[in-house]
């Protein structure tokens, strides 16, 4: 099965919870961007300022499609558990590595 990439954007408050899911799923490799700024339709601004102090993190994870599907399901559970914190995920096919 072809590889897919999961792009995860989440409130930095959820960092430990996200790491636990990655550990449980034996995700060994990823690329992380910290202190990502943005605005969500439900969670509002995350700008790292005194007015909007929250920030996001982003992870890029490439695995086989089956593992990405299971990982996405686990992260969607977290999204329901913490609806006010902000967590979005996107999956895209990988054409070339």
N, C-alpha and C. Protein backbone atom coordinates (compact mmCIF):
# COMPACT_ATOMS: atom_id res chain seq x y z
N UNK A 1 0.84 -1.17 0.00
CA UNK A 1 0.00 0.00 0.00
C UNK A 1 0.89 1.24 0.00
N UNK A 2 0.46 2.27 -0.67
CA UNK A 2 1.25 3.48 -0.81
C UNK A 2 1.31 4.26 0.49
N UNK A 3 2.39 5.01 0.65
CA UNK A 3 2.56 5.85 1.82
C UNK A 3 1.64 7.06 1.75
N UNK A 4 1.30 7.55 2.93
CA UNK A 4 0.51 8.78 3.06
C UNK A 4 1.20 9.66 4.08
N UNK A 5 0.90 10.94 4.00
CA UNK A 5 1.41 11.87 4.99
C UNK A 5 0.24 12.43 5.79
N UNK A 6 0.39 12.40 7.09
CA UNK A 6 -0.58 13.01 7.99
C UNK A 6 0.02 14.33 8.43
N UNK A 7 -0.73 15.39 8.25
CA UNK A 7 -0.35 16.72 8.73
C UNK A 7 -1.26 17.02 9.91
N UNK A 8 -0.67 17.26 11.05
CA UNK A 8 -1.42 17.49 12.27
C UNK A 8 -1.10 18.89 12.79
N UNK A 9 -2.14 19.69 12.96
CA UNK A 9 -2.00 21.02 13.56
C UNK A 9 -2.79 20.98 14.86
N UNK A 10 -2.12 21.31 15.97
CA UNK A 10 -2.79 21.18 17.25
C UNK A 10 -2.27 22.22 18.24
N UNK A 11 -3.12 22.55 19.19
CA UNK A 11 -2.74 23.48 20.25
C UNK A 11 -1.56 22.89 21.03
N UNK A 12 -0.58 23.72 21.31
CA UNK A 12 0.60 23.24 22.04
C UNK A 12 0.24 22.67 23.41
N UNK A 13 -0.92 23.02 23.92
CA UNK A 13 -1.39 22.47 25.19
C UNK A 13 -1.54 20.95 25.11
N UNK A 14 -1.81 20.45 23.91
CA UNK A 14 -2.03 19.01 23.71
C UNK A 14 -0.75 18.24 23.40
N UNK A 15 0.40 18.87 23.49
CA UNK A 15 1.65 18.25 23.06
C UNK A 15 1.90 16.90 23.74
N UNK A 16 1.76 16.83 25.05
CA UNK A 16 2.01 15.56 25.76
C UNK A 16 1.03 14.48 25.34
N UNK A 17 -0.23 14.83 25.20
CA UNK A 17 -1.24 13.85 24.79
C UNK A 17 -0.96 13.33 23.38
N UNK A 18 -0.54 14.23 22.48
CA UNK A 18 -0.21 13.81 21.11
C UNK A 18 0.99 12.88 21.15
N UNK A 19 2.00 13.22 21.94
CA UNK A 19 3.21 12.37 22.04
C UNK A 19 2.86 10.97 22.54
N UNK A 20 1.94 10.88 23.48
CA UNK A 20 1.53 9.57 23.99
C UNK A 20 0.91 8.72 22.88
N UNK A 21 0.07 9.34 22.06
CA UNK A 21 -0.55 8.60 20.95
C UNK A 21 0.53 8.14 19.97
N UNK A 22 1.49 9.00 19.66
CA UNK A 22 2.57 8.63 18.74
C UNK A 22 3.39 7.48 19.30
N UNK A 23 3.67 7.52 20.61
CA UNK A 23 4.42 6.44 21.24
C UNK A 23 3.63 5.12 21.20
N UNK A 24 2.34 5.20 21.52
CA UNK A 24 1.50 4.00 21.51
C UNK A 24 1.42 3.38 20.12
N UNK A 25 1.46 4.22 19.09
CA UNK A 25 1.36 3.75 17.71
C UNK A 25 2.73 3.42 17.10
N UNK A 26 3.78 3.55 17.90
CA UNK A 26 5.15 3.29 17.43
C UNK A 26 5.53 4.11 16.21
N UNK A 27 5.14 5.39 16.24
CA UNK A 27 5.55 6.32 15.19
C UNK A 27 6.96 6.77 15.54
N UNK A 28 7.90 6.38 14.72
CA UNK A 28 9.32 6.64 15.03
C UNK A 28 9.83 7.94 14.43
N UNK A 29 9.24 8.38 13.34
CA UNK A 29 9.77 9.55 12.67
C UNK A 29 8.69 10.55 12.34
N UNK A 30 9.04 11.80 12.49
CA UNK A 30 8.14 12.89 12.12
C UNK A 30 8.95 14.17 12.03
N UNK A 31 8.37 15.17 11.42
CA UNK A 31 8.94 16.51 11.40
C UNK A 31 8.00 17.40 12.18
N UNK A 32 8.56 18.20 13.07
CA UNK A 32 7.75 19.04 13.94
C UNK A 32 8.09 20.51 13.74
N UNK A 33 7.05 21.31 13.66
CA UNK A 33 7.19 22.76 13.67
C UNK A 33 6.52 23.26 14.94
N UNK A 34 7.24 24.03 15.74
CA UNK A 34 6.68 24.55 16.98
C UNK A 34 6.31 26.02 16.81
N UNK A 35 5.45 26.49 17.71
CA UNK A 35 5.05 27.90 17.76
C UNK A 35 4.45 28.39 16.45
N UNK A 36 3.53 27.59 15.91
CA UNK A 36 2.85 27.92 14.68
C UNK A 36 1.65 28.80 15.01
N UNK A 37 1.52 29.88 14.29
CA UNK A 37 0.43 30.82 14.52
C UNK A 37 -0.71 30.55 13.55
N UNK A 38 -1.93 30.88 13.98
CA UNK A 38 -3.07 30.70 13.09
C UNK A 38 -4.37 31.06 13.77
N UNK A 39 -5.46 30.76 13.08
CA UNK A 39 -6.80 31.02 13.59
C UNK A 39 -7.70 29.88 13.14
N UNK A 40 -8.47 29.37 14.08
CA UNK A 40 -9.43 28.33 13.77
C UNK A 40 -10.85 28.85 13.91
N UNK A 41 -11.79 28.25 13.17
CA UNK A 41 -13.17 28.72 13.24
C UNK A 41 -13.82 28.52 14.61
N UNK A 42 -13.39 27.50 15.34
CA UNK A 42 -13.93 27.23 16.67
C UNK A 42 -13.06 27.78 17.78
N UNK A 43 -11.75 27.71 17.60
CA UNK A 43 -10.84 28.01 18.70
C UNK A 43 -10.25 29.41 18.64
N UNK A 44 -10.50 30.14 17.58
CA UNK A 44 -10.03 31.52 17.48
C UNK A 44 -8.54 31.62 17.18
N UNK A 45 -7.99 32.76 17.54
CA UNK A 45 -6.60 33.07 17.22
C UNK A 45 -5.63 32.34 18.14
N UNK A 46 -4.52 31.90 17.56
CA UNK A 46 -3.37 31.36 18.28
C UNK A 46 -2.16 32.12 17.73
N UNK A 47 -1.82 33.22 18.39
CA UNK A 47 -0.81 34.12 17.85
C UNK A 47 0.40 34.33 18.75
N UNK A 48 0.37 33.80 19.96
CA UNK A 48 1.51 33.95 20.86
C UNK A 48 1.70 35.37 21.35
N UNK A 49 0.62 36.14 21.39
CA UNK A 49 0.70 37.52 21.88
C UNK A 49 0.02 37.62 23.24
N UNK A 50 0.11 38.79 23.86
CA UNK A 50 -0.56 38.96 25.16
C UNK A 50 -2.08 38.89 25.02
N UNK A 51 -2.59 39.29 23.89
CA UNK A 51 -4.04 39.23 23.67
C UNK A 51 -4.49 37.82 23.28
N UNK A 52 -3.71 37.17 22.41
CA UNK A 52 -3.99 35.80 21.96
C UNK A 52 -2.76 34.94 22.24
N UNK A 53 -2.61 34.48 23.50
CA UNK A 53 -1.35 33.85 23.91
C UNK A 53 -1.10 32.43 23.40
N UNK A 54 -2.13 31.73 22.97
CA UNK A 54 -1.93 30.33 22.57
C UNK A 54 -1.12 30.24 21.28
N UNK A 55 -0.43 29.11 21.13
CA UNK A 55 0.30 28.77 19.91
C UNK A 55 0.00 27.33 19.53
N UNK A 56 0.23 27.00 18.29
CA UNK A 56 0.04 25.64 17.79
C UNK A 56 1.38 24.98 17.50
N UNK A 57 1.34 23.68 17.33
CA UNK A 57 2.45 22.90 16.80
C UNK A 57 1.94 22.17 15.57
N UNK A 58 2.85 21.78 14.71
CA UNK A 58 2.50 20.98 13.53
C UNK A 58 3.42 19.77 13.46
N UNK A 59 2.85 18.66 13.06
CA UNK A 59 3.63 17.45 12.81
C UNK A 59 3.35 16.98 11.39
N UNK A 60 4.40 16.52 10.73
CA UNK A 60 4.30 15.87 9.43
C UNK A 60 4.79 14.44 9.63
N UNK A 61 3.91 13.48 9.37
CA UNK A 61 4.22 12.07 9.61
C UNK A 61 3.97 11.29 8.33
N UNK A 62 4.97 10.54 7.87
CA UNK A 62 4.80 9.70 6.69
C UNK A 62 4.89 8.24 7.14
N UNK A 63 3.85 7.50 6.82
CA UNK A 63 3.76 6.07 7.14
C UNK A 63 2.93 5.42 6.03
N UNK A 64 2.80 4.09 6.12
CA UNK A 64 1.92 3.44 5.15
C UNK A 64 0.48 3.85 5.43
N UNK A 65 -0.35 3.76 4.41
CA UNK A 65 -1.71 4.27 4.47
C UNK A 65 -2.52 3.65 5.60
N UNK A 66 -2.34 2.37 5.85
CA UNK A 66 -3.10 1.70 6.91
C UNK A 66 -2.76 2.28 8.28
N UNK A 67 -1.47 2.47 8.54
CA UNK A 67 -1.04 3.02 9.83
C UNK A 67 -1.52 4.46 9.99
N UNK A 68 -1.48 5.23 8.91
CA UNK A 68 -1.97 6.62 8.96
C UNK A 68 -3.46 6.63 9.28
N UNK A 69 -4.22 5.71 8.71
CA UNK A 69 -5.66 5.66 8.97
C UNK A 69 -5.94 5.37 10.44
N UNK A 70 -5.21 4.43 11.02
CA UNK A 70 -5.40 4.10 12.44
C UNK A 70 -4.96 5.28 13.31
N UNK A 71 -3.84 5.89 12.99
CA UNK A 71 -3.36 7.04 13.74
C UNK A 71 -4.37 8.18 13.67
N UNK A 72 -4.91 8.43 12.50
CA UNK A 72 -5.91 9.49 12.34
C UNK A 72 -7.14 9.21 13.20
N UNK A 73 -7.58 7.97 13.26
CA UNK A 73 -8.72 7.62 14.10
C UNK A 73 -8.43 7.90 15.57
N UNK A 74 -7.23 7.57 16.03
CA UNK A 74 -6.86 7.83 17.42
C UNK A 74 -6.82 9.33 17.71
N UNK A 75 -6.31 10.09 16.79
CA UNK A 75 -6.23 11.54 16.98
C UNK A 75 -7.61 12.19 16.93
N UNK A 76 -8.51 11.63 16.12
CA UNK A 76 -9.88 12.15 16.08
C UNK A 76 -10.58 11.95 17.43
N UNK A 77 -10.26 10.85 18.11
CA UNK A 77 -10.80 10.63 19.46
C UNK A 77 -10.31 11.74 20.39
N UNK A 78 -9.04 12.11 20.26
CA UNK A 78 -8.49 13.19 21.09
C UNK A 78 -9.18 14.51 20.78
N UNK A 79 -9.48 14.73 19.51
CA UNK A 79 -10.18 15.96 19.12
C UNK A 79 -11.53 16.06 19.81
N UNK A 80 -12.22 14.93 19.93
CA UNK A 80 -13.52 14.92 20.62
C UNK A 80 -13.35 15.09 22.12
N UNK A 81 -12.25 14.58 22.66
CA UNK A 81 -11.98 14.68 24.10
C UNK A 81 -11.62 16.11 24.52
N UNK A 82 -10.97 16.85 23.62
CA UNK A 82 -10.54 18.22 23.92
C UNK A 82 -11.07 19.18 22.84
N UNK A 83 -12.39 19.35 22.74
CA UNK A 83 -12.95 20.13 21.63
C UNK A 83 -12.59 21.61 21.64
N UNK A 84 -12.23 22.16 22.79
CA UNK A 84 -11.94 23.58 22.88
C UNK A 84 -10.47 23.92 22.66
N UNK A 85 -9.62 22.93 22.49
CA UNK A 85 -8.19 23.18 22.39
C UNK A 85 -7.69 23.33 20.95
N UNK A 86 -8.34 22.75 20.01
CA UNK A 86 -7.93 22.86 18.62
C UNK A 86 -7.00 21.73 18.19
N UNK A 87 -7.47 20.93 17.28
CA UNK A 87 -6.69 19.84 16.70
C UNK A 87 -7.29 19.55 15.33
N UNK A 88 -6.49 19.69 14.30
CA UNK A 88 -6.95 19.40 12.94
C UNK A 88 -5.94 18.49 12.28
N UNK A 89 -6.43 17.57 11.47
CA UNK A 89 -5.52 16.69 10.76
C UNK A 89 -5.96 16.56 9.31
N UNK A 90 -4.94 16.38 8.49
CA UNK A 90 -5.13 16.25 7.06
C UNK A 90 -4.24 15.09 6.59
N UNK A 91 -4.73 14.30 5.65
CA UNK A 91 -3.89 13.26 5.07
C UNK A 91 -3.80 13.50 3.57
N UNK A 92 -2.60 13.26 3.06
CA UNK A 92 -2.36 13.45 1.63
C UNK A 92 -1.52 12.29 1.12
N UNK A 93 -1.72 11.88 -0.15
CA UNK A 93 -0.90 10.81 -0.71
C UNK A 93 0.51 11.32 -0.95
N UNK A 94 1.46 10.41 -0.86
CA UNK A 94 2.85 10.71 -1.16
C UNK A 94 3.17 10.16 -2.54
N UNK A 95 3.55 11.02 -3.42
CA UNK A 95 3.87 10.61 -4.78
C UNK A 95 5.31 10.16 -4.90
N UNK A 96 6.19 10.76 -4.10
CA UNK A 96 7.61 10.47 -4.24
C UNK A 96 8.28 10.72 -2.89
N UNK A 97 9.22 9.85 -2.55
CA UNK A 97 10.01 10.04 -1.31
C UNK A 97 11.44 10.35 -1.68
